[in-house]
N, C-alpha and C. Protein backbone atom coordinates (compact mmCIF):
# COMPACT_ATOMS: atom_id res chain seq x y z
N MET A 1 -5.31 6.12 -4.63
CA MET A 1 -6.75 6.83 -4.43
C MET A 1 -7.07 6.08 -3.15
N ILE A 2 -7.66 6.63 -2.05
CA ILE A 2 -8.35 6.26 -0.82
C ILE A 2 -9.85 5.72 -1.20
N ARG A 3 -10.16 4.61 -0.96
CA ARG A 3 -11.54 4.46 -0.98
C ARG A 3 -12.05 3.88 0.56
N THR A 4 -13.29 4.32 0.59
CA THR A 4 -13.98 4.00 1.82
C THR A 4 -14.63 2.43 1.76
N VAL A 5 -14.78 1.76 2.99
CA VAL A 5 -15.22 0.49 2.81
C VAL A 5 -15.74 0.12 4.29
N ASP A 6 -16.99 0.14 4.30
CA ASP A 6 -17.98 0.08 5.44
C ASP A 6 -18.15 -1.22 5.95
N LEU A 7 -17.51 -1.60 6.90
CA LEU A 7 -17.83 -3.11 7.20
C LEU A 7 -18.83 -3.24 8.62
N ARG A 8 -19.54 -2.29 8.62
CA ARG A 8 -20.63 -1.83 9.77
C ARG A 8 -21.79 -3.22 9.51
N GLY A 9 -22.12 -4.05 10.83
CA GLY A 9 -22.99 -4.94 10.42
C GLY A 9 -22.83 -6.22 9.95
N ARG A 10 -21.35 -6.23 9.50
CA ARG A 10 -20.71 -7.45 8.83
C ARG A 10 -20.12 -8.46 9.40
N SER A 11 -20.33 -9.65 9.68
CA SER A 11 -19.24 -10.54 10.26
C SER A 11 -18.58 -11.32 9.34
N LEU A 12 -17.39 -11.12 9.47
CA LEU A 12 -16.26 -11.50 8.18
C LEU A 12 -15.01 -12.55 8.93
N SER A 13 -15.04 -13.37 8.05
CA SER A 13 -13.47 -14.31 8.49
C SER A 13 -12.39 -13.50 8.18
N LYS A 14 -11.76 -13.59 8.57
CA LYS A 14 -10.23 -13.35 8.22
C LYS A 14 -9.51 -13.16 6.79
N ALA A 15 -10.24 -14.26 5.96
CA ALA A 15 -9.85 -14.43 4.77
C ALA A 15 -10.84 -13.36 3.67
N GLN A 16 -12.16 -13.04 4.38
CA GLN A 16 -13.03 -12.17 4.04
C GLN A 16 -12.52 -10.56 4.23
N TYR A 17 -11.65 -10.17 5.45
CA TYR A 17 -11.29 -9.17 5.53
C TYR A 17 -10.14 -8.86 4.65
N ASN A 18 -9.38 -9.81 4.62
CA ASN A 18 -8.11 -9.61 3.49
C ASN A 18 -8.67 -9.30 2.21
N ALA A 19 -9.97 -10.01 1.83
CA ALA A 19 -10.10 -9.60 0.48
C ALA A 19 -10.97 -8.02 0.38
N GLU A 20 -11.47 -7.81 1.53
CA GLU A 20 -12.28 -6.36 1.42
C GLU A 20 -11.14 -5.74 1.95
N LEU A 21 -10.28 -5.81 2.31
CA LEU A 21 -9.10 -4.83 2.49
C LEU A 21 -7.73 -5.15 2.37
N PRO A 22 -7.23 -5.34 0.81
CA PRO A 22 -5.97 -5.82 0.62
C PRO A 22 -4.79 -4.96 1.11
N ARG A 23 -3.72 -5.62 1.35
CA ARG A 23 -2.70 -4.84 1.88
C ARG A 23 -1.36 -4.67 0.58
N ALA A 24 -0.74 -3.63 1.16
CA ALA A 24 0.06 -3.39 -0.05
C ALA A 24 1.04 -4.40 -0.50
N THR A 25 1.92 -4.25 -1.71
CA THR A 25 2.48 -5.53 -2.20
C THR A 25 4.00 -5.07 -1.73
N LEU A 26 4.36 -3.49 -1.38
CA LEU A 26 5.54 -3.17 -0.98
C LEU A 26 5.97 -3.85 0.77
N ASN A 27 7.17 -4.56 0.31
CA ASN A 27 7.44 -4.97 1.56
C ASN A 27 8.29 -3.97 2.65
N VAL A 28 8.76 -3.95 3.98
CA VAL A 28 9.20 -3.12 4.68
C VAL A 28 10.64 -2.82 4.34
N ALA A 29 11.39 -3.69 4.07
CA ALA A 29 12.53 -3.23 3.48
C ALA A 29 12.57 -2.33 2.22
N GLU A 30 11.69 -2.64 1.35
CA GLU A 30 11.73 -1.64 0.28
C GLU A 30 11.31 -0.20 0.71
N ALA A 31 10.36 0.05 1.56
CA ALA A 31 9.57 0.95 1.97
C ALA A 31 10.88 1.78 2.77
N MET A 32 11.45 0.95 3.54
CA MET A 32 12.44 1.90 4.41
C MET A 32 13.72 2.12 3.26
N VAL A 33 13.95 1.80 2.56
CA VAL A 33 14.69 2.18 1.43
C VAL A 33 14.14 3.83 0.75
N LEU A 34 12.90 3.53 0.81
CA LEU A 34 12.13 4.49 -0.28
C LEU A 34 11.95 5.78 1.00
N ILE A 35 11.95 5.68 1.96
CA ILE A 35 11.39 6.52 3.24
C ILE A 35 12.68 7.17 3.91
N GLU A 36 13.81 6.54 3.74
CA GLU A 36 14.92 7.17 4.78
C GLU A 36 15.58 8.24 4.69
N PRO A 37 15.49 8.51 3.09
CA PRO A 37 15.92 10.08 2.68
C PRO A 37 15.05 11.06 3.20
N ILE A 38 13.36 10.89 3.40
CA ILE A 38 12.31 11.91 3.98
C ILE A 38 12.94 11.93 5.13
N LEU A 39 12.98 10.66 5.93
CA LEU A 39 13.37 10.80 7.74
C LEU A 39 14.74 11.28 7.67
N GLU A 40 15.55 11.30 7.08
CA GLU A 40 16.63 12.12 7.39
C GLU A 40 16.58 13.66 7.03
N ARG A 41 15.66 13.91 6.18
CA ARG A 41 15.36 15.47 5.90
C ARG A 41 14.71 15.75 7.25
N VAL A 42 13.74 15.02 7.86
CA VAL A 42 12.95 15.42 9.09
C VAL A 42 13.76 15.25 10.12
N LYS A 43 14.61 14.52 10.40
CA LYS A 43 15.59 14.22 11.23
C LYS A 43 16.62 15.74 11.75
N ASN A 44 17.18 15.99 10.49
CA ASN A 44 18.23 16.93 10.52
C ASN A 44 18.20 18.35 9.69
N GLY A 45 16.80 18.42 9.30
CA GLY A 45 16.53 19.69 8.39
C GLY A 45 16.18 20.58 9.03
N THR A 46 16.16 21.59 8.83
CA THR A 46 15.40 23.05 9.18
C THR A 46 13.79 23.19 9.11
N GLN A 47 13.25 24.06 9.77
CA GLN A 47 12.17 24.42 9.57
C GLN A 47 11.66 24.71 8.10
N ALA A 48 13.06 25.65 7.64
CA ALA A 48 12.71 25.33 5.84
C ALA A 48 12.38 24.15 5.36
N ASP A 49 13.11 23.31 5.88
CA ASP A 49 13.06 21.73 5.46
C ASP A 49 11.73 21.33 4.95
N LEU A 50 11.19 21.59 6.47
CA LEU A 50 9.93 20.76 6.67
C LEU A 50 8.82 21.27 6.13
N ILE A 51 8.97 22.74 5.87
CA ILE A 51 7.71 23.67 5.23
C ILE A 51 7.94 22.87 3.72
N ALA A 52 9.05 22.70 3.31
CA ALA A 52 9.46 22.16 2.04
C ALA A 52 8.69 20.67 1.81
N LEU A 53 8.94 20.05 2.67
CA LEU A 53 8.07 18.48 2.48
C LEU A 53 6.92 18.85 2.68
N ALA A 54 6.43 19.81 3.41
CA ALA A 54 4.70 19.82 3.39
C ALA A 54 4.16 20.44 2.17
N GLN A 55 5.15 21.09 1.54
CA GLN A 55 4.81 21.56 -0.25
C GLN A 55 4.86 20.23 -0.79
N GLU A 56 5.98 19.50 -0.44
CA GLU A 56 6.19 18.47 -1.80
C GLU A 56 5.04 17.24 -1.38
N PHE A 57 4.70 16.95 -0.11
CA PHE A 57 4.04 15.86 0.17
C PHE A 57 2.25 16.31 0.02
N ASP A 58 2.10 17.37 0.78
CA ASP A 58 0.82 17.80 1.13
C ASP A 58 0.12 19.05 0.27
N GLY A 59 1.27 19.51 -0.67
CA GLY A 59 0.79 20.66 -1.38
C GLY A 59 0.29 21.84 -0.62
N VAL A 60 0.56 21.80 0.45
CA VAL A 60 0.41 23.43 1.20
C VAL A 60 1.98 23.84 1.84
N THR A 61 1.75 24.96 1.84
CA THR A 61 2.99 25.85 2.29
C THR A 61 2.83 26.79 3.61
N PRO A 62 3.05 26.35 4.85
CA PRO A 62 2.40 26.78 6.06
C PRO A 62 3.49 27.95 6.18
N PRO A 63 3.01 28.90 6.70
CA PRO A 63 3.78 29.90 7.27
C PRO A 63 4.89 29.64 8.54
N SER A 64 4.57 28.89 9.09
CA SER A 64 5.29 28.15 10.21
C SER A 64 5.06 26.56 10.59
N ILE A 65 5.70 25.92 11.16
CA ILE A 65 5.51 24.59 11.66
C ILE A 65 4.84 24.57 12.90
N ARG A 66 5.10 25.59 13.70
CA ARG A 66 4.74 25.87 15.00
C ARG A 66 3.09 26.13 15.09
N VAL A 67 2.14 25.33 15.67
CA VAL A 67 1.12 25.70 15.92
C VAL A 67 0.85 26.71 16.71
N PRO A 68 0.01 27.91 16.46
CA PRO A 68 -0.14 29.04 17.28
C PRO A 68 -1.11 28.54 18.71
N GLN A 69 -0.74 29.09 20.02
CA GLN A 69 -1.08 28.87 21.04
C GLN A 69 -2.57 29.09 21.14
N SER A 70 -3.12 30.27 20.49
CA SER A 70 -4.79 30.35 20.42
C SER A 70 -5.29 29.42 19.86
N ALA A 71 -4.78 28.81 18.67
CA ALA A 71 -5.49 27.29 17.98
C ALA A 71 -5.25 26.11 18.88
N LEU A 72 -4.39 25.91 19.83
CA LEU A 72 -3.99 25.06 20.88
C LEU A 72 -5.02 24.85 22.00
N ASP A 73 -5.17 26.39 22.32
CA ASP A 73 -6.09 26.57 23.52
C ASP A 73 -7.40 26.40 22.80
N ALA A 74 -7.92 26.78 21.57
CA ALA A 74 -9.11 26.55 20.89
C ALA A 74 -9.40 24.97 21.35
N ALA A 75 -8.51 24.19 20.49
CA ALA A 75 -8.72 22.83 20.39
C ALA A 75 -8.86 22.25 21.78
N LEU A 76 -8.35 22.64 22.81
CA LEU A 76 -8.32 21.93 24.15
C LEU A 76 -9.96 22.13 24.66
N SER A 77 -10.48 23.48 24.60
CA SER A 77 -11.56 23.60 25.28
C SER A 77 -13.00 23.13 24.37
N GLN A 78 -12.49 22.91 22.75
CA GLN A 78 -13.73 22.07 22.19
C GLN A 78 -13.33 20.70 22.41
N LEU A 79 -12.55 20.10 23.13
CA LEU A 79 -12.23 18.65 23.23
C LEU A 79 -13.08 17.86 24.23
N ASP A 80 -13.95 16.68 23.78
CA ASP A 80 -14.74 15.97 24.65
C ASP A 80 -14.11 15.88 26.09
N PRO A 81 -14.56 15.92 27.25
CA PRO A 81 -13.83 15.92 28.20
C PRO A 81 -13.60 14.55 28.55
N ALA A 82 -14.67 13.59 27.89
CA ALA A 82 -14.22 11.83 28.22
C ALA A 82 -12.94 11.46 27.26
N ILE A 83 -12.61 12.27 26.34
CA ILE A 83 -11.50 12.17 25.25
C ILE A 83 -10.30 12.54 26.14
N ARG A 84 -10.41 13.81 26.59
CA ARG A 84 -9.14 14.55 27.35
C ARG A 84 -8.81 13.73 28.39
N THR A 85 -9.76 12.93 28.99
CA THR A 85 -9.42 11.69 30.05
C THR A 85 -8.73 10.85 29.58
N ALA A 86 -9.42 10.05 28.73
CA ALA A 86 -8.61 8.99 27.96
C ALA A 86 -7.03 9.50 27.69
N LEU A 87 -7.06 10.32 26.81
CA LEU A 87 -5.77 11.02 26.45
C LEU A 87 -4.46 10.88 27.71
N GLU A 88 -5.05 11.43 28.71
CA GLU A 88 -4.24 11.86 29.69
C GLU A 88 -4.00 10.71 30.60
N LEU A 89 -4.78 9.56 30.64
CA LEU A 89 -4.65 8.64 31.16
C LEU A 89 -3.34 7.79 30.44
N SER A 90 -4.05 7.92 28.82
CA SER A 90 -2.83 7.22 27.98
C SER A 90 -1.72 7.73 28.25
N PHE A 91 -1.12 8.91 28.30
CA PHE A 91 0.00 9.41 28.86
C PHE A 91 0.44 8.99 30.01
N ARG A 92 0.05 9.14 30.90
CA ARG A 92 0.52 8.63 32.26
C ARG A 92 0.85 7.12 32.34
N VAL A 93 0.10 6.27 31.75
CA VAL A 93 0.77 4.80 31.40
C VAL A 93 1.82 4.63 30.66
N LEU A 94 1.91 5.32 29.37
CA LEU A 94 3.12 5.59 28.79
C LEU A 94 4.47 6.04 29.51
N LEU A 95 4.20 7.05 29.96
CA LEU A 95 5.15 7.63 30.83
C LEU A 95 5.95 6.77 31.98
N LYS A 96 4.90 5.94 32.32
CA LYS A 96 5.43 5.15 33.66
C LYS A 96 5.95 3.80 32.90
N PHE A 97 5.33 3.58 31.86
CA PHE A 97 6.01 2.20 31.23
C PHE A 97 7.51 2.64 30.96
N THR A 98 7.35 3.79 30.21
CA THR A 98 8.96 4.31 29.45
C THR A 98 10.02 4.43 31.00
N ARG A 99 9.28 5.06 31.81
CA ARG A 99 10.34 5.34 33.07
C ARG A 99 10.72 4.12 33.61
N THR A 100 9.98 3.31 33.47
CA THR A 100 10.20 1.58 34.16
C THR A 100 11.06 0.68 33.22
N ASN A 101 11.13 1.02 32.20
CA ASN A 101 11.92 -0.04 31.06
C ASN A 101 12.65 0.75 30.21
N SER A 102 13.37 1.91 30.62
CA SER A 102 14.48 2.64 30.06
C SER A 102 15.68 2.54 30.90
N GLU A 103 16.83 2.88 30.04
CA GLU A 103 18.09 2.90 30.92
C GLU A 103 18.21 3.79 31.71
N PRO A 104 19.06 3.83 32.61
CA PRO A 104 19.03 4.86 33.74
C PRO A 104 19.49 6.13 33.45
N ALA A 105 20.20 6.21 32.27
CA ALA A 105 21.01 7.51 31.81
C ALA A 105 19.69 7.98 30.95
N GLN A 106 18.85 7.33 30.18
CA GLN A 106 17.50 7.67 29.42
C GLN A 106 16.45 8.65 30.53
N ARG A 107 16.35 7.49 31.89
CA ARG A 107 15.44 7.99 32.69
C ARG A 107 15.31 9.13 33.11
N GLN A 108 16.68 9.85 33.19
CA GLN A 108 16.93 11.02 33.60
C GLN A 108 16.51 12.08 32.85
N LEU A 109 16.26 11.96 31.59
CA LEU A 109 15.70 12.81 30.66
C LEU A 109 14.18 12.85 30.63
N LEU A 110 13.79 11.73 31.39
CA LEU A 110 12.10 11.63 31.26
C LEU A 110 11.60 12.41 32.68
């Protein structure tokens, strides 16, 4: 169960934050063993497999995994212009970093 913790207006030490927001005890290696089959299904599966995963983990069965263009257009028209500007800047910075730091063969794909 997810709980909400309101830390606004509080000045906490690292130990106090850790007490308020405890971390899971599962280590990364154990988590990878658990999620590897799911990642494999996502990577190599079909649309039907992805829909089955949505049902399994989210309890919904979407008619398609593709978001209708009309929904994308509506979301974009309602997006705060400052948020859009920030997202576009983030994209450009990430793209520049990727192009600068990728192997030459990978760079051709970008």
